[in-house]
């Protein structure tokens, strides 16, 4: 069963009196547990595709399935509930709440879940701060943490909901080279040990080098699909060989 399936998706935006087509006839699917990079230049549509998969945005036409459930026609409230139970997010700007401690930032999305008790929330916060190596920093606010530590808090927050999918939008963009490598190695370790699906929107060659699936997007179209075979890519689809 595919964890994500996208079928003939188009996405248009209105810009003044013009209609801009951000994505054109996107069809793809991938299985649970992948470490997938959606790559392409700025303005290619890769972040739009990530937002559609993350149910932050909805397609103009076409269908998107998460765990074989069609999410295309759901209401904003239904999509919010799906995100809160199924999809974790990691952003390049961290998106932490500055007035909350590291522990409180990790706990924050769990507060919306009536199915999780206070005791379980505390257990999850402690567990995932430990996973990202920040137990000693649980009471620090974001301005007391380095960029790498803030990104680790964001990863713990994403994992705390027990997501089927973690979506990461340029997660290394605001980090120095060494810290970026550490963050990528941490996410790869979590992917391999827990089978968590990671999907990146990126132009960082380091992310692409660690990915086992690759989707290249250009001008709103998929130009290449690849599966890593040892150190090389096996091309599943190329724009000129449909």
C-alpha atoms as a PDB file:
ATOM      1  CA  UNK A   1       0.000   0.000   0.000  1.00  0.00           C
ATOM      2  CA  UNK A   2       1.321   3.451  -0.912  1.00  0.00           C
ATOM      3  CA  UNK A   3       1.556   5.906   1.962  1.00  0.00           C
ATOM      4  CA  UNK A   4       1.147   8.785  -0.503  1.00  0.00           C
ATOM      5  CA  UNK A   5      -0.460   8.694  -3.920  1.00  0.00           C
ATOM      6  CA  UNK A   6      -0.908  11.744  -6.152  1.00  0.00           C
ATOM      7  CA  UNK A   7      -3.113  11.377  -9.233  1.00  0.00           C
ATOM      8  CA  UNK A   8      -3.190  13.914 -12.098  1.00  0.00           C
ATOM      9  CA  UNK A   9      -2.873  16.906  -9.775  1.00  0.00           C
ATOM     10  CA  UNK A  10      -2.937  20.471 -11.056  1.00  0.00           C
ATOM     11  CA  UNK A  11      -2.486  23.550  -8.891  1.00  0.00           C
ATOM     12  CA  UNK A  12      -3.338  27.060 -10.120  1.00  0.00           C
ATOM     13  CA  UNK A  13      -2.976  30.393  -8.364  1.00  0.00           C
ATOM     14  CA  UNK A  14      -4.519  33.743  -9.223  1.00  0.00           C
ATOM     15  CA  UNK A  15      -2.039  36.573  -9.657  1.00  0.00           C
ATOM     16  CA  UNK A  16      -3.965  39.729 -10.424  1.00  0.00           C
ATOM     17  CA  UNK A  17      -5.901  39.017 -13.601  1.00  0.00           C
ATOM     18  CA  UNK A  18      -3.663  36.101 -14.494  1.00  0.00           C
ATOM     19  CA  UNK A  19      -3.755  32.431 -13.578  1.00  0.00           C
ATOM     20  CA  UNK A  20      -0.392  30.902 -12.727  1.00  0.00           C
ATOM     21  CA  UNK A  21      -0.085  27.141 -13.036  1.00  0.00           C
ATOM     22  CA  UNK A  22       2.245  25.960 -10.268  1.00  0.00           C
ATOM     23  CA  UNK A  23       1.823  22.219 -10.914  1.00  0.00           C
ATOM     24  CA  UNK A  24       0.771  20.408 -14.061  1.00  0.00           C
ATOM     25  CA  UNK A  25      -0.542  16.824 -14.163  1.00  0.00           C
ATOM     26  CA  UNK A  26       1.515  15.433 -11.258  1.00  0.00           C
ATOM     27  CA  UNK A  27       1.181  11.690 -10.753  1.00  0.00           C
ATOM     28  CA  UNK A  28       3.380   9.738  -8.339  1.00  0.00           C
ATOM     29  CA  UNK A  29       3.264   7.346  -5.409  1.00  0.00           C
ATOM     30  CA  UNK A  30       5.661   5.970  -2.848  1.00  0.00           C
ATOM     31  CA  UNK A  31       5.633   3.464  -0.042  1.00  0.00           C
ATOM     32  CA  UNK A  32       5.945   3.765   3.720  1.00  0.00           C
ATOM     33  CA  UNK A  33       9.444   4.246   5.109  1.00  0.00           C
ATOM     34  CA  UNK A  34      11.041   6.129   2.223  1.00  0.00           C
ATOM     35  CA  UNK A  35      13.569   8.944   2.624  1.00  0.00           C
ATOM     36  CA  UNK A  36      12.483  11.011  -0.337  1.00  0.00           C
ATOM     37  CA  UNK A  37      13.766  14.280  -1.780  1.00  0.00           C
ATOM     38  CA  UNK A  38      11.638  16.529  -3.971  1.00  0.00           C
ATOM     39  CA  UNK A  39      14.294  18.607  -5.722  1.00  0.00           C
ATOM     40  CA  UNK A  40      14.220  21.514  -8.100  1.00  0.00           C
ATOM     41  CA  UNK A  41      15.177  25.166  -8.520  1.00  0.00           C
ATOM     42  CA  UNK A  42      13.350  28.016  -6.810  1.00  0.00           C
ATOM     43  CA  UNK A  43       9.887  28.436  -8.297  1.00  0.00           C
ATOM     44  CA  UNK A  44       9.816  24.908  -9.707  1.00  0.00           C
ATOM     45  CA  UNK A  45       6.760  23.855  -7.673  1.00  0.00           C
ATOM     46  CA  UNK A  46       8.504  21.577  -5.185  1.00  0.00           C
ATOM     47  CA  UNK A  47       7.235  23.415  -2.098  1.00  0.00           C
ATOM     48  CA  UNK A  48       3.725  23.563  -3.586  1.00  0.00           C
ATOM     49  CA  UNK A  49       3.842  19.784  -4.034  1.00  0.00           C
ATOM     50  CA  UNK A  50       5.059  19.332  -0.459  1.00  0.00           C
ATOM     51  CA  UNK A  51       2.233  21.546   0.839  1.00  0.00           C
ATOM     52  CA  UNK A  52      -0.344  19.522  -1.095  1.00  0.00           C
ATOM     53  CA  UNK A  53       0.997  16.251   0.324  1.00  0.00           C
ATOM     54  CA  UNK A  54       0.932  17.856   3.772  1.00  0.00           C
ATOM     55  CA  UNK A  55      -2.696  18.934   3.350  1.00  0.00           C
ATOM     56  CA  UNK A  56      -1.705  22.562   3.956  1.00  0.00           C
ATOM     57  CA  UNK A  57      -3.055  23.357   0.495  1.00  0.00           C
ATOM     58  CA  UNK A  58      -5.575  21.666  -1.800  1.00  0.00           C
ATOM     59  CA  UNK A  59      -5.265  20.868  -5.515  1.00  0.00           C
ATOM     60  CA  UNK A  60      -7.163  22.743  -8.187  1.00  0.00           C
ATOM     61  CA  UNK A  61      -7.919  19.355  -9.728  1.00  0.00           C
ATOM     62  CA  UNK A  62      -6.778  15.781  -9.279  1.00  0.00           C
ATOM     63  CA  UNK A  63      -6.680  13.620  -6.160  1.00  0.00           C
ATOM     64  CA  UNK A  64      -4.304  13.000  -3.274  1.00  0.00           C
ATOM     65  CA  UNK A  65      -4.397   9.874  -1.110  1.00  0.00           C
ATOM     66  CA  UNK A  66      -2.756   9.515   2.318  1.00  0.00           C
ATOM     67  CA  UNK A  67      -2.717   5.905   3.535  1.00  0.00           C
ATOM     68  CA  UNK A  68      -5.149   5.107   0.698  1.00  0.00           C
ATOM     69  CA  UNK A  69      -7.647   7.698   1.959  1.00  0.00           C
ATOM     70  CA  UNK A  70      -8.673  10.371  -0.543  1.00  0.00           C
ATOM     71  CA  UNK A  71      -8.085  13.742   1.146  1.00  0.00           C
ATOM     72  CA  UNK A  72      -8.854  15.950  -1.863  1.00  0.00           C
ATOM     73  CA  UNK A  73     -12.416  16.849  -0.926  1.00  0.00           C
ATOM     74  CA  UNK A  74     -12.062  17.227   2.833  1.00  0.00           C
ATOM     75  CA  UNK A  75     -13.000  20.370   4.729  1.00  0.00           C
ATOM     76  CA  UNK A  76     -10.334  22.585   6.379  1.00  0.00           C
ATOM     77  CA  UNK A  77     -11.278  21.177   9.799  1.00  0.00           C
ATOM     78  CA  UNK A  78     -10.960  17.604   8.534  1.00  0.00           C
ATOM     79  CA  UNK A  79      -7.581  18.391   6.989  1.00  0.00           C
ATOM     80  CA  UNK A  80      -6.400  19.995  10.248  1.00  0.00           C
ATOM     81  CA  UNK A  81      -7.363  16.859  12.161  1.00  0.00           C
ATOM     82  CA  UNK A  82      -5.555  14.674   9.619  1.00  0.00           C
ATOM     83  CA  UNK A  83      -2.394  16.796   9.870  1.00  0.00           C
ATOM     84  CA  UNK A  84      -2.456  16.703  13.656  1.00  0.00           C
ATOM     85  CA  UNK A  85      -2.565  12.899  13.736  1.00  0.00           C
ATOM     86  CA  UNK A  86      -0.662  11.854  10.631  1.00  0.00           C
ATOM     87  CA  UNK A  87       1.818  14.471   9.404  1.00  0.00           C
ATOM     88  CA  UNK A  88       4.732  16.107  11.201  1.00  0.00           C
ATOM     89  CA  UNK A  89       6.377  19.250   9.830  1.00  0.00           C
ATOM     90  CA  UNK A  90       9.950  20.536   9.975  1.00  0.00           C
ATOM     91  CA  UNK A  91      10.594  23.976   8.453  1.00  0.00           C
ATOM     92  CA  UNK A  92      13.784  25.860   7.594  1.00  0.00           C
ATOM     93  CA  UNK A  93      12.769  28.683   9.960  1.00  0.00           C
ATOM     94  CA  UNK A  94      12.009  26.183  12.783  1.00  0.00           C
ATOM     95  CA  UNK A  95       8.590  27.805  13.547  1.00  0.00           C
ATOM     96  CA  UNK A  96       8.986  27.436  17.304  1.00  0.00           C
ATOM     97  CA  UNK A  97       6.888  29.539  19.675  1.00  0.00           C
ATOM     98  CA  UNK A  98       9.369  31.934  21.333  1.00  0.00           C
ATOM     99  CA  UNK A  99       7.542  32.181  24.668  1.00  0.00           C
ATOM    100  CA  UNK A 100       7.523  28.398  25.184  1.00  0.00           C
ATOM    101  CA  UNK A 101      10.334  26.169  26.391  1.00  0.00           C
ATOM    102  CA  UNK A 102      11.710  23.335  24.260  1.00  0.00           C
ATOM    103  CA  UNK A 103       9.491  20.855  26.128  1.00  0.00           C
ATOM    104  CA  UNK A 104       6.415  23.065  25.750  1.00  0.00           C
ATOM    105  CA  UNK A 105       7.055  23.479  22.007  1.00  0.00           C
ATOM    106  CA  UNK A 106       7.213  19.711  21.603  1.00  0.00           C
ATOM    107  CA  UNK A 107       4.042  19.296  23.657  1.00  0.00           C
ATOM    108  CA  UNK A 108       2.097  22.034  21.872  1.00  0.00           C
ATOM    109  CA  UNK A 109       0.587  19.979  18.981  1.00  0.00           C
ATOM    110  CA  UNK A 110      -0.387  17.255  21.449  1.00  0.00           C
ATOM    111  CA  UNK A 111      -2.579  19.694  23.358  1.00  0.00           C
ATOM    112  CA  UNK A 112      -5.031  19.605  20.442  1.00  0.00           C
ATOM    113  CA  UNK A 113      -5.416  15.823  20.802  1.00  0.00           C
ATOM    114  CA  UNK A 114      -8.247  14.737  23.096  1.00  0.00           C
ATOM    115  CA  UNK A 115      -7.134  11.118  22.690  1.00  0.00           C
ATOM    116  CA  UNK A 116      -3.806  11.761  24.468  1.00  0.00           C
ATOM    117  CA  UNK A 117      -3.759  12.089  28.266  1.00  0.00           C
ATOM    118  CA  UNK A 118      -1.591  14.550  30.173  1.00  0.00           C
ATOM    119  CA  UNK A 119       0.599  11.675  31.374  1.00  0.00           C
ATOM    120  CA  UNK A 120       1.142  10.382  27.848  1.00  0.00           C
ATOM    121  CA  UNK A 121       1.952  13.890  26.610  1.00  0.00           C
ATOM    122  CA  UNK A 122       4.710  14.209  29.217  1.00  0.00           C
ATOM    123  CA  UNK A 123       6.068  10.769  28.300  1.00  0.00           C
ATOM    124  CA  UNK A 124       6.189  11.632  24.606  1.00  0.00           C
ATOM    125  CA  UNK A 125       7.887  14.972  25.237  1.00  0.00           C
ATOM    126  CA  UNK A 126      10.581  13.325  27.366  1.00  0.00           C
ATOM    127  CA  UNK A 127      11.054  10.490  24.884  1.00  0.00           C
ATOM    128  CA  UNK A 128      11.497  12.635  21.791  1.00  0.00           C
ATOM    129  CA  UNK A 129      13.654  15.273  23.448  1.00  0.00           C
ATOM    130  CA  UNK A 130      15.889  12.340  24.380  1.00  0.00           C
ATOM    131  CA  UNK A 131      15.781  11.024  20.802  1.00  0.00           C
ATOM    132  CA  UNK A 132      17.135  14.341  19.495  1.00  0.00           C
ATOM    133  CA  UNK A 133      19.638  14.685  22.354  1.00  0.00           C
ATOM    134  CA  UNK A 134      18.084  17.674  24.126  1.00  0.00           C
ATOM    135  CA  UNK A 135      16.919  16.286  27.475  1.00  0.00           C
ATOM    136  CA  UNK A 136      19.159  18.741  29.355  1.00  0.00           C
ATOM    137  CA  UNK A 137      17.705  21.651  27.400  1.00  0.00           C
ATOM    138  CA  UNK A 138      14.026  20.915  28.050  1.00  0.00           C
ATOM    139  CA  UNK A 139      13.460  24.206  29.917  1.00  0.00           C
ATOM    140  CA  UNK A 140      15.341  26.420  27.454  1.00  0.00           C
ATOM    141  CA  UNK A 141      13.443  28.837  25.233  1.00  0.00           C
ATOM    142  CA  UNK A 142      14.301  29.088  21.514  1.00  0.00           C
ATOM    143  CA  UNK A 143      16.433  32.226  21.981  1.00  0.00           C
ATOM    144  CA  UNK A 144      18.610  30.232  24.393  1.00  0.00           C
ATOM    145  CA  UNK A 145      19.288  27.513  21.809  1.00  0.00           C
ATOM    146  CA  UNK A 146      21.543  27.328  18.770  1.00  0.00           C
ATOM    147  CA  UNK A 147      20.098  26.934  15.280  1.00  0.00           C
ATOM    148  CA  UNK A 148      20.855  23.215  15.289  1.00  0.00           C
ATOM    149  CA  UNK A 149      19.248  22.774  18.693  1.00  0.00           C
ATOM    150  CA  UNK A 150      16.129  24.636  17.558  1.00  0.00           C
ATOM    151  CA  UNK A 151      15.887  22.358  14.530  1.00  0.00           C
ATOM    152  CA  UNK A 152      16.200  19.352  16.835  1.00  0.00           C
ATOM    153  CA  UNK A 153      13.290  20.691  18.891  1.00  0.00           C
ATOM    154  CA  UNK A 154      11.301  21.022  15.657  1.00  0.00           C
ATOM    155  CA  UNK A 155      12.099  17.402  14.776  1.00  0.00           C
ATOM    156  CA  UNK A 156      11.035  16.230  18.250  1.00  0.00           C
ATOM    157  CA  UNK A 157       7.798  18.200  17.896  1.00  0.00           C
ATOM    158  CA  UNK A 158       7.134  16.571  14.520  1.00  0.00           C
ATOM    159  CA  UNK A 159       7.796  13.074  15.895  1.00  0.00           C
ATOM    160  CA  UNK A 160       5.747  13.523  19.076  1.00  0.00           C
ATOM    161  CA  UNK A 161       2.434  13.089  17.272  1.00  0.00           C
ATOM    162  CA  UNK A 162       3.622   9.647  16.056  1.00  0.00           C
ATOM    163  CA  UNK A 163       3.265  10.702  12.413  1.00  0.00           C
ATOM    164  CA  UNK A 164       3.095   8.405   9.446  1.00  0.00           C
ATOM    165  CA  UNK A 165       4.958  11.086   7.473  1.00  0.00           C
ATOM    166  CA  UNK A 166       7.414  13.852   8.347  1.00  0.00           C
ATOM    167  CA  UNK A 167       7.586  16.663   5.785  1.00  0.00           C
ATOM    168  CA  UNK A 168      10.698  18.834   5.816  1.00  0.00           C
ATOM    169  CA  UNK A 169      10.888  22.056   3.807  1.00  0.00           C
ATOM    170  CA  UNK A 170      14.558  23.014   3.296  1.00  0.00           C
ATOM    171  CA  UNK A 171      15.423  21.908   6.866  1.00  0.00           C
ATOM    172  CA  UNK A 172      19.162  22.572   6.460  1.00  0.00           C
ATOM    173  CA  UNK A 173      18.905  25.979   4.739  1.00  0.00           C
ATOM    174  CA  UNK A 174      19.564  28.065   7.872  1.00  0.00           C
ATOM    175  CA  UNK A 175      22.208  25.791   9.364  1.00  0.00           C
ATOM    176  CA  UNK A 176      25.978  25.726   8.935  1.00  0.00           C
ATOM    177  CA  UNK A 177      27.512  22.786   7.087  1.00  0.00           C
ATOM    178  CA  UNK A 178      28.465  20.724  10.158  1.00  0.00           C
ATOM    179  CA  UNK A 179      25.127  21.270  11.925  1.00  0.00           C
ATOM    180  CA  UNK A 180      23.228  20.525   8.712  1.00  0.00           C
ATOM    181  CA  UNK A 181      25.058  17.211   8.405  1.00  0.00           C
ATOM    182  CA  UNK A 182      24.227  16.331  12.009  1.00  0.00           C
ATOM    183  CA  UNK A 183      20.531  17.104  11.470  1.00  0.00           C
ATOM    184  CA  UNK A 184      20.397  15.029   8.276  1.00  0.00           C
ATOM    185  CA  UNK A 185      22.166  12.115   9.969  1.00  0.00           C
ATOM    186  CA  UNK A 186      19.672  12.311  12.849  1.00  0.00           C
ATOM    187  CA  UNK A 187      16.670  12.207  10.499  1.00  0.00           C
ATOM    188  CA  UNK A 188      18.202   9.354   8.491  1.00  0.00           C
ATOM    189  CA  UNK A 189      18.808   7.416  11.714  1.00  0.00           C
ATOM    190  CA  UNK A 190      15.168   7.904  12.779  1.00  0.00           C
ATOM    191  CA  UNK A 191      14.025   6.861   9.305  1.00  0.00           C
ATOM    192  CA  UNK A 192      16.035   3.649   9.438  1.00  0.00           C
ATOM    193  CA  UNK A 193      15.360   2.710  13.070  1.00  0.00           C
ATOM    194  CA  UNK A 194      11.632   3.537  13.222  1.00  0.00           C
ATOM    195  CA  UNK A 195      10.581   3.315   9.568  1.00  0.00           C
ATOM    196  CA  UNK A 196       9.268   6.893   9.651  1.00  0.00           C
ATOM    197  CA  UNK A 197       8.623   8.292   6.168  1.00  0.00           C
ATOM    198  CA  UNK A 198      10.547  11.505   5.453  1.00  0.00           C
ATOM    199  CA  UNK A 199       9.774  13.751   2.478  1.00  0.00           C
ATOM    200  CA  UNK A 200      11.990  16.759   1.792  1.00  0.00           C
ATOM    201  CA  UNK A 201      11.563  19.791  -0.414  1.00  0.00           C
ATOM    202  CA  UNK A 202      15.151  20.772  -1.127  1.00  0.00           C
ATOM    203  CA  UNK A 203      17.900  21.878  -3.444  1.00  0.00           C
ATOM    204  CA  UNK A 204      20.587  20.773  -0.957  1.00  0.00           C
ATOM    205  CA  UNK A 205      22.859  18.168  -2.544  1.00  0.00           C
ATOM    206  CA  UNK A 206      23.510  16.654   0.898  1.00  0.00           C
ATOM    207  CA  UNK A 207      19.820  15.814   1.299  1.00  0.00           C
ATOM    208  CA  UNK A 208      19.670  14.323  -2.189  1.00  0.00           C
ATOM    209  CA  UNK A 209      22.782  12.251  -1.435  1.00  0.00           C
ATOM    210  CA  UNK A 210      21.055  10.637   1.569  1.00  0.00           C
ATOM    211  CA  UNK A 211      17.701  10.090  -0.141  1.00  0.00           C
ATOM    212  CA  UNK A 212      16.591   6.676  -1.390  1.00  0.00           C
ATOM    213  CA  UNK A 213      13.906   8.187  -3.635  1.00  0.00           C
ATOM    214  CA  UNK A 214      14.192  11.305  -5.782  1.00  0.00           C
ATOM    215  CA  UNK A 215      11.553  13.415  -7.521  1.00  0.00           C
ATOM    216  CA  UNK A 216      12.859  16.245  -9.690  1.00  0.00           C
ATOM    217  CA  UNK A 217      10.416  19.044 -10.475  1.00  0.00           C
ATOM    218  CA  UNK A 218      10.849  21.797 -13.045  1.00  0.00           C
ATOM    219  CA  UNK A 219       8.312  24.364 -14.224  1.00  0.00           C
ATOM    220  CA  UNK A 220       5.570  22.543 -12.322  1.00  0.00           C
ATOM    221  CA  UNK A 221       6.207  19.165 -13.946  1.00  0.00           C
ATOM    222  CA  UNK A 222       8.004  16.019 -12.838  1.00  0.00           C
ATOM    223  CA  UNK A 223      11.146  15.699 -14.936  1.00  0.00           C
ATOM    224  CA  UNK A 224      12.618  12.630 -13.257  1.00  0.00           C
ATOM    225  CA  UNK A 225      11.780   9.900 -10.743  1.00  0.00           C
ATOM    226  CA  UNK A 226      14.670   7.919  -9.310  1.00  0.00           C
ATOM    227  CA  UNK A 227      15.254   5.032  -6.906  1.00  0.00           C
ATOM    228  CA  UNK A 228      18.664   4.658  -5.303  1.00  0.00           C
ATOM    229  CA  UNK A 229      20.426   1.411  -6.121  1.00  0.00           C
ATOM    230  CA  UNK A 230      23.527   1.310  -3.907  1.00  0.00           C
ATOM    231  CA  UNK A 231      25.437   4.460  -4.897  1.00  0.00           C
ATOM    232  CA  UNK A 232      23.579   5.050  -8.155  1.00  0.00           C
ATOM    233  CA  UNK A 233      20.092   6.162  -9.244  1.00  0.00           C
ATOM    234  CA  UNK A 234      17.809   3.897 -11.264  1.00  0.00           C
ATOM    235  CA  UNK A 235      15.621   6.173 -13.397  1.00  0.00           C
ATOM    236  CA  UNK A 236      11.969   5.187 -13.164  1.00  0.00           C
ATOM    237  CA  UNK A 237      10.670   8.091 -15.219  1.00  0.00           C
ATOM    238  CA  UNK A 238      12.155  10.892 -17.274  1.00  0.00           C
ATOM    239  CA  UNK A 239      10.249  13.713 -18.874  1.00  0.00           C
ATOM    240  CA  UNK A 240      11.499  12.717 -22.315  1.00  0.00           C
ATOM    241  CA  UNK A 241      10.690   9.030 -21.867  1.00  0.00           C
ATOM    242  CA  UNK A 242       7.048   8.962 -20.690  1.00  0.00           C
END
